[in-house]
């Protein structure tokens, strides 16, 4: 295999299974050098590139058609304004499109300015952006005044810097100003578990001095013949609502697990199904 192992600009020789490689001395000669101690293998370092190298790399190599995502912290109404402009570069012939998409989006989008098929299975046309700014060699800046949009916390906004077919010279700045006008600050409360007040509890469920003694009373249970069977706790007021409970009573019920989560994870669901769904019985032996 021909490979520049040490980055000196000369093609070296690498053979599979060997502990050394053939270093090209630049004069047509090959010197076989052990991998260890040759400086070809370096440990990973966080600061592998210095600051000047990072600046050079970012200038020479850049992302094509980058997409950035913003997920709203809460649902509500936002005001969004945007500004796209060439700062120092001349720009390309086909220019740049700053495209903003709302909601569900299939990525990657087409690399061309005009919608078209991508590498995704089957033809895919990206939807028309809700907001689009356009700059080129004739129009060096474009502004979008503040517009109001309704956003949802379970959907994102996508900002796509579309350089079209020709990205040469497309070095631009894209600024966004976004602020909430209306916000559903407590929308996640619907995901909180709902308290469940059982109508009766076992005798051992409540100990002396427990806050639940405020809403439960100890009742002697008898059979149909009047014989004592057990003690159990029953609600003093069967119609009591969670909103009517005192804080210590509410907390006591919650800590004892008397609540219903709005969403069950797959783990408890599997336990429930394996507990309540009987397994198939084997077939009886065949008889002739």
Protein backbone atom coordinates (compact mmCIF):
# COMPACT_ATOMS: atom_id res chain seq x y z
CA UNK A 1 0.00 0.00 0.00
CA UNK A 2 1.34 3.45 -0.94
CA UNK A 3 0.81 6.00 1.85
CA UNK A 4 2.50 9.13 3.17
CA UNK A 5 2.91 7.87 6.72
CA UNK A 6 4.87 10.69 8.32
CA UNK A 7 3.45 13.57 6.29
CA UNK A 8 6.76 14.63 4.70
CA UNK A 9 5.30 14.71 1.20
CA UNK A 10 6.94 11.48 0.02
CA UNK A 11 4.97 8.28 -0.59
CA UNK A 12 6.01 5.52 1.84
CA UNK A 13 5.43 1.78 1.62
CA UNK A 14 3.14 -0.03 4.07
CA UNK A 15 2.73 -3.81 4.06
CA UNK A 16 0.09 -5.69 6.03
CA UNK A 17 1.30 -7.67 9.03
CA UNK A 18 4.69 -5.98 9.36
CA UNK A 19 5.95 -4.09 12.39
CA UNK A 20 7.79 -1.60 10.19
CA UNK A 21 7.09 0.57 7.18
CA UNK A 22 9.22 1.62 4.23
CA UNK A 23 10.12 5.28 4.64
CA UNK A 24 10.86 7.12 1.43
CA UNK A 25 14.08 9.12 1.93
CA UNK A 26 13.20 11.44 -0.96
CA UNK A 27 16.08 10.22 -3.11
CA UNK A 28 14.47 7.04 -4.38
CA UNK A 29 15.58 4.92 -1.42
CA UNK A 30 13.34 3.03 1.03
CA UNK A 31 14.42 2.64 4.66
CA UNK A 32 12.45 0.13 6.74
CA UNK A 33 11.69 1.69 10.14
CA UNK A 34 9.80 0.20 13.09
CA UNK A 35 6.43 1.77 13.76
CA UNK A 36 7.28 2.38 17.40
CA UNK A 37 9.56 5.34 17.86
CA UNK A 38 9.13 6.52 14.28
CA UNK A 39 6.77 9.34 15.27
CA UNK A 40 4.12 8.05 12.85
CA UNK A 41 1.76 6.97 15.66
CA UNK A 42 0.73 9.73 18.03
CA UNK A 43 -1.55 9.67 21.03
CA UNK A 44 -4.78 11.62 20.71
CA UNK A 45 -4.66 15.12 22.19
CA UNK A 46 -7.48 17.59 22.67
CA UNK A 47 -5.24 20.43 21.41
CA UNK A 48 -3.82 18.56 18.43
CA UNK A 49 -4.12 21.71 16.28
CA UNK A 50 -2.94 25.07 17.53
CA UNK A 51 -5.07 28.19 17.12
CA UNK A 52 -3.46 29.29 13.84
CA UNK A 53 -3.94 25.82 12.35
CA UNK A 54 -7.62 25.83 13.37
CA UNK A 55 -8.13 29.20 11.64
CA UNK A 56 -6.42 27.92 8.49
CA UNK A 57 -8.49 24.72 8.47
CA UNK A 58 -11.75 26.62 8.92
CA UNK A 59 -10.77 28.95 6.06
CA UNK A 60 -9.84 26.15 3.65
CA UNK A 61 -12.44 23.54 4.63
CA UNK A 62 -16.04 24.32 5.45
CA UNK A 63 -19.41 22.62 5.63
CA UNK A 64 -21.56 22.56 2.52
CA UNK A 65 -25.24 23.39 2.97
CA UNK A 66 -25.06 23.30 6.80
CA UNK A 67 -28.31 22.89 8.72
CA UNK A 68 -28.77 24.11 12.28
CA UNK A 69 -31.66 23.07 14.51
CA UNK A 70 -33.39 25.02 17.27
CA UNK A 71 -35.87 23.18 19.46
CA UNK A 72 -38.29 25.46 21.33
CA UNK A 73 -38.06 25.20 25.10
CA UNK A 74 -41.82 25.68 25.35
CA UNK A 75 -44.68 25.93 22.90
CA UNK A 76 -45.97 29.38 22.12
CA UNK A 77 -45.81 32.33 19.77
CA UNK A 78 -42.43 33.68 18.71
CA UNK A 79 -41.22 36.70 16.82
CA UNK A 80 -38.44 35.88 14.33
CA UNK A 81 -36.41 38.25 12.19
CA UNK A 82 -33.37 37.37 10.09
CA UNK A 83 -30.57 39.05 8.16
CA UNK A 84 -28.29 37.44 5.55
CA UNK A 85 -25.39 39.29 3.91
CA UNK A 86 -21.99 38.95 2.28
CA UNK A 87 -19.43 40.67 4.47
CA UNK A 88 -16.15 40.61 2.56
CA UNK A 89 -16.55 38.01 -0.20
CA UNK A 90 -18.00 38.64 -3.66
CA UNK A 91 -20.26 35.60 -3.57
CA UNK A 92 -21.00 33.02 -6.24
CA UNK A 93 -23.08 33.40 -9.37
CA UNK A 94 -26.03 31.43 -7.97
CA UNK A 95 -25.71 33.01 -4.55
CA UNK A 96 -26.96 31.78 -1.19
CA UNK A 97 -30.42 31.01 0.13
CA UNK A 98 -31.09 31.22 3.84
CA UNK A 99 -34.00 28.83 4.35
CA UNK A 100 -35.99 28.35 7.56
CA UNK A 101 -38.21 25.30 7.97
CA UNK A 102 -40.75 24.64 10.71
CA UNK A 103 -41.85 21.28 12.06
CA UNK A 104 -40.98 17.80 10.86
CA UNK A 105 -38.23 17.66 8.25
CA UNK A 106 -36.49 14.80 6.46
CA UNK A 107 -32.72 15.25 6.30
CA UNK A 108 -30.51 15.52 4.37
CA UNK A 109 -32.10 18.04 2.06
CA UNK A 110 -31.19 18.34 -1.61
CA UNK A 111 -27.86 20.08 -2.08
CA UNK A 112 -29.14 22.16 -5.00
CA UNK A 113 -30.87 25.51 -4.71
CA UNK A 114 -33.90 24.16 -6.50
CA UNK A 115 -35.68 21.24 -4.84
CA UNK A 116 -34.69 17.90 -6.28
CA UNK A 117 -34.13 14.22 -5.50
CA UNK A 118 -31.55 13.27 -2.88
CA UNK A 119 -29.66 10.13 -1.91
CA UNK A 120 -32.60 9.05 0.22
CA UNK A 121 -34.47 5.91 -0.93
CA UNK A 122 -36.96 7.00 -3.58
CA UNK A 123 -37.52 10.58 -4.78
CA UNK A 124 -37.73 13.20 -2.06
CA UNK A 125 -38.59 16.85 -2.51
CA UNK A 126 -37.90 19.08 0.48
CA UNK A 127 -40.87 21.25 1.39
CA UNK A 128 -40.96 24.93 0.56
CA UNK A 129 -39.32 26.91 3.38
CA UNK A 130 -41.56 29.13 5.46
CA UNK A 131 -38.91 31.87 5.32
CA UNK A 132 -36.29 32.30 2.58
CA UNK A 133 -33.64 34.99 2.17
CA UNK A 134 -31.63 35.30 -1.07
CA UNK A 135 -28.30 37.00 -1.76
CA UNK A 136 -26.00 36.90 -4.79
CA UNK A 137 -23.45 39.01 -6.64
CA UNK A 138 -26.13 41.56 -7.53
CA UNK A 139 -27.96 41.59 -4.19
CA UNK A 140 -25.47 41.44 -1.35
CA UNK A 141 -27.93 41.44 1.57
CA UNK A 142 -31.48 40.46 2.39
CA UNK A 143 -33.58 41.10 5.48
CA UNK A 144 -36.69 39.44 6.85
CA UNK A 145 -38.62 41.70 9.20
CA UNK A 146 -40.06 40.24 12.38
CA UNK A 147 -42.85 37.78 11.69
CA UNK A 148 -44.88 35.83 14.20
CA UNK A 149 -44.99 32.04 14.21
CA UNK A 150 -46.54 29.45 16.48
CA UNK A 151 -44.06 26.80 17.59
CA UNK A 152 -44.36 23.54 19.50
CA UNK A 153 -41.88 22.11 21.99
CA UNK A 154 -42.03 18.73 20.25
CA UNK A 155 -41.03 20.17 16.86
CA UNK A 156 -37.92 22.05 15.79
CA UNK A 157 -36.95 24.96 13.58
CA UNK A 158 -34.30 24.25 10.96
CA UNK A 159 -31.99 26.91 9.53
CA UNK A 160 -30.39 25.82 6.26
CA UNK A 161 -27.53 27.75 4.61
CA UNK A 162 -28.08 26.66 1.00
CA UNK A 163 -25.08 27.51 -1.21
CA UNK A 164 -26.62 25.98 -4.33
CA UNK A 165 -24.47 24.32 -7.00
CA UNK A 166 -21.56 26.78 -6.75
CA UNK A 167 -20.31 27.50 -3.23
CA UNK A 168 -17.19 29.45 -4.27
CA UNK A 169 -17.12 32.81 -2.54
CA UNK A 170 -20.25 32.11 -0.52
CA UNK A 171 -18.88 33.39 2.79
CA UNK A 172 -21.74 35.19 4.49
CA UNK A 173 -23.15 36.05 7.89
CA UNK A 174 -26.66 34.98 8.86
CA UNK A 175 -28.09 36.64 11.97
CA UNK A 176 -31.31 35.68 13.72
CA UNK A 177 -33.35 37.51 16.34
CA UNK A 178 -35.89 35.31 18.08
CA UNK A 179 -38.03 36.03 21.13
CA UNK A 180 -41.17 34.65 22.71
CA UNK A 181 -44.32 36.75 22.48
CA UNK A 182 -46.53 34.14 24.17
CA UNK A 183 -45.38 31.04 26.03
CA UNK A 184 -47.02 27.97 27.55
CA UNK A 185 -44.79 27.97 30.57
CA UNK A 186 -46.40 25.03 32.40
CA UNK A 187 -47.20 22.76 29.46
CA UNK A 188 -45.02 19.96 30.84
CA UNK A 189 -47.31 19.56 33.84
CA UNK A 190 -49.45 17.25 31.71
CA UNK A 191 -46.60 14.76 31.90
CA UNK A 192 -46.69 14.63 35.69
CA UNK A 193 -48.17 11.52 37.31
CA UNK A 194 -51.78 11.75 38.49
CA UNK A 195 -52.51 10.98 42.12
CA UNK A 196 -54.76 8.00 42.79
CA UNK A 197 -56.69 7.77 46.08
CA UNK A 198 -57.47 4.10 46.81
CA UNK A 199 -60.81 3.43 48.46
CA UNK A 200 -59.31 0.95 50.95
CA UNK A 201 -55.90 -0.16 52.22
CA UNK A 202 -54.51 -3.11 54.13
CA UNK A 203 -54.16 -2.74 57.89
CA UNK A 204 -50.35 -2.62 57.61
CA UNK A 205 -50.39 0.16 54.99
CA UNK A 206 -50.85 2.93 57.57
CA UNK A 207 -48.88 3.16 60.78
CA UNK A 208 -49.73 5.11 63.92
CA UNK A 209 -49.24 8.85 63.43
CA UNK A 210 -49.31 8.56 59.63
CA UNK A 211 -50.78 11.58 57.80
CA UNK A 212 -53.17 9.21 56.01
CA UNK A 213 -55.10 8.78 59.26
CA UNK A 214 -56.65 12.15 58.41
CA UNK A 215 -58.63 10.68 55.52
CA UNK A 216 -58.79 6.95 56.40
CA UNK A 217 -60.52 5.12 59.24
CA UNK A 218 -59.81 1.60 60.50
CA UNK A 219 -62.80 -0.69 59.90
CA UNK A 220 -63.44 -4.21 61.17
CA UNK A 221 -64.42 -6.50 58.28
CA UNK A 222 -66.74 -9.42 58.98
CA UNK A 223 -68.03 -12.25 56.82
CA UNK A 224 -71.68 -12.89 56.03
CA UNK A 225 -72.08 -14.78 59.28
CA UNK A 226 -70.76 -11.88 61.32
CA UNK A 227 -67.39 -13.46 62.09
CA UNK A 228 -64.35 -11.20 62.22
CA UNK A 229 -62.13 -11.50 59.13
CA UNK A 230 -59.63 -8.61 59.16
CA UNK A 231 -59.00 -4.95 59.74
CA UNK A 232 -58.73 -2.58 56.79
CA UNK A 233 -58.46 1.16 56.20
CA UNK A 234 -61.33 2.82 54.37
CA UNK A 235 -61.83 6.39 53.22
CA UNK A 236 -63.81 8.59 55.55
CA UNK A 237 -65.13 10.48 52.54
CA UNK A 238 -65.19 8.30 49.37
CA UNK A 239 -65.80 11.38 47.24
CA UNK A 240 -62.69 13.32 48.28
CA UNK A 241 -60.63 14.82 45.43
CA UNK A 242 -56.84 15.15 45.18
CA UNK A 243 -57.21 18.93 45.12
CA UNK A 244 -58.87 18.79 48.56
CA UNK A 245 -55.99 16.96 50.25
CA UNK A 246 -53.62 18.63 52.65
CA UNK A 247 -49.99 18.73 51.55
CA UNK A 248 -48.75 16.06 53.98
CA UNK A 249 -51.58 13.68 52.99
CA UNK A 250 -50.90 14.24 49.29
CA UNK A 251 -47.20 13.57 49.79
CA UNK A 252 -47.87 10.45 51.89
CA UNK A 253 -50.04 8.92 49.15
CA UNK A 254 -47.52 9.82 46.50
CA UNK A 255 -44.59 8.33 48.42
CA UNK A 256 -46.50 5.07 48.86
CA UNK A 257 -46.81 4.79 45.08
CA UNK A 258 -50.48 5.67 44.71
CA UNK A 259 -50.20 7.49 41.41
CA UNK A 260 -50.75 6.78 37.73
CA UNK A 261 -48.00 7.80 35.28
CA UNK A 262 -49.33 9.19 31.98
CA UNK A 263 -46.85 7.06 30.01
CA UNK A 264 -45.67 3.58 30.90
CA UNK A 265 -42.15 2.56 29.92
CA UNK A 266 -41.58 -0.64 28.00
CA UNK A 267 -40.18 -2.40 31.08
CA UNK A 268 -43.33 -2.29 33.24
CA UNK A 269 -45.44 -3.03 30.16
CA UNK A 270 -43.52 -6.24 29.51
CA UNK A 271 -43.92 -7.26 33.17
CA UNK A 272 -47.67 -6.64 33.02
CA UNK A 273 -48.20 -8.60 29.83
CA UNK A 274 -46.10 -11.53 31.03
CA UNK A 275 -48.06 -11.57 34.30
CA UNK A 276 -51.59 -11.35 32.98
CA UNK A 277 -51.36 -13.12 29.62
CA UNK A 278 -51.20 -16.90 30.15
CA UNK A 279 -48.60 -18.86 28.27
CA UNK A 280 -49.77 -21.30 25.60
CA UNK A 281 -50.38 -24.81 26.91
CA UNK A 282 -48.64 -27.73 25.18
CA UNK A 283 -50.79 -29.82 22.85
CA UNK A 284 -51.93 -33.22 24.15
CA UNK A 285 -50.13 -36.27 22.72
CA UNK A 286 -51.59 -37.61 19.50
CA UNK A 287 -53.57 -40.84 19.66
CA UNK A 288 -54.15 -43.38 16.94
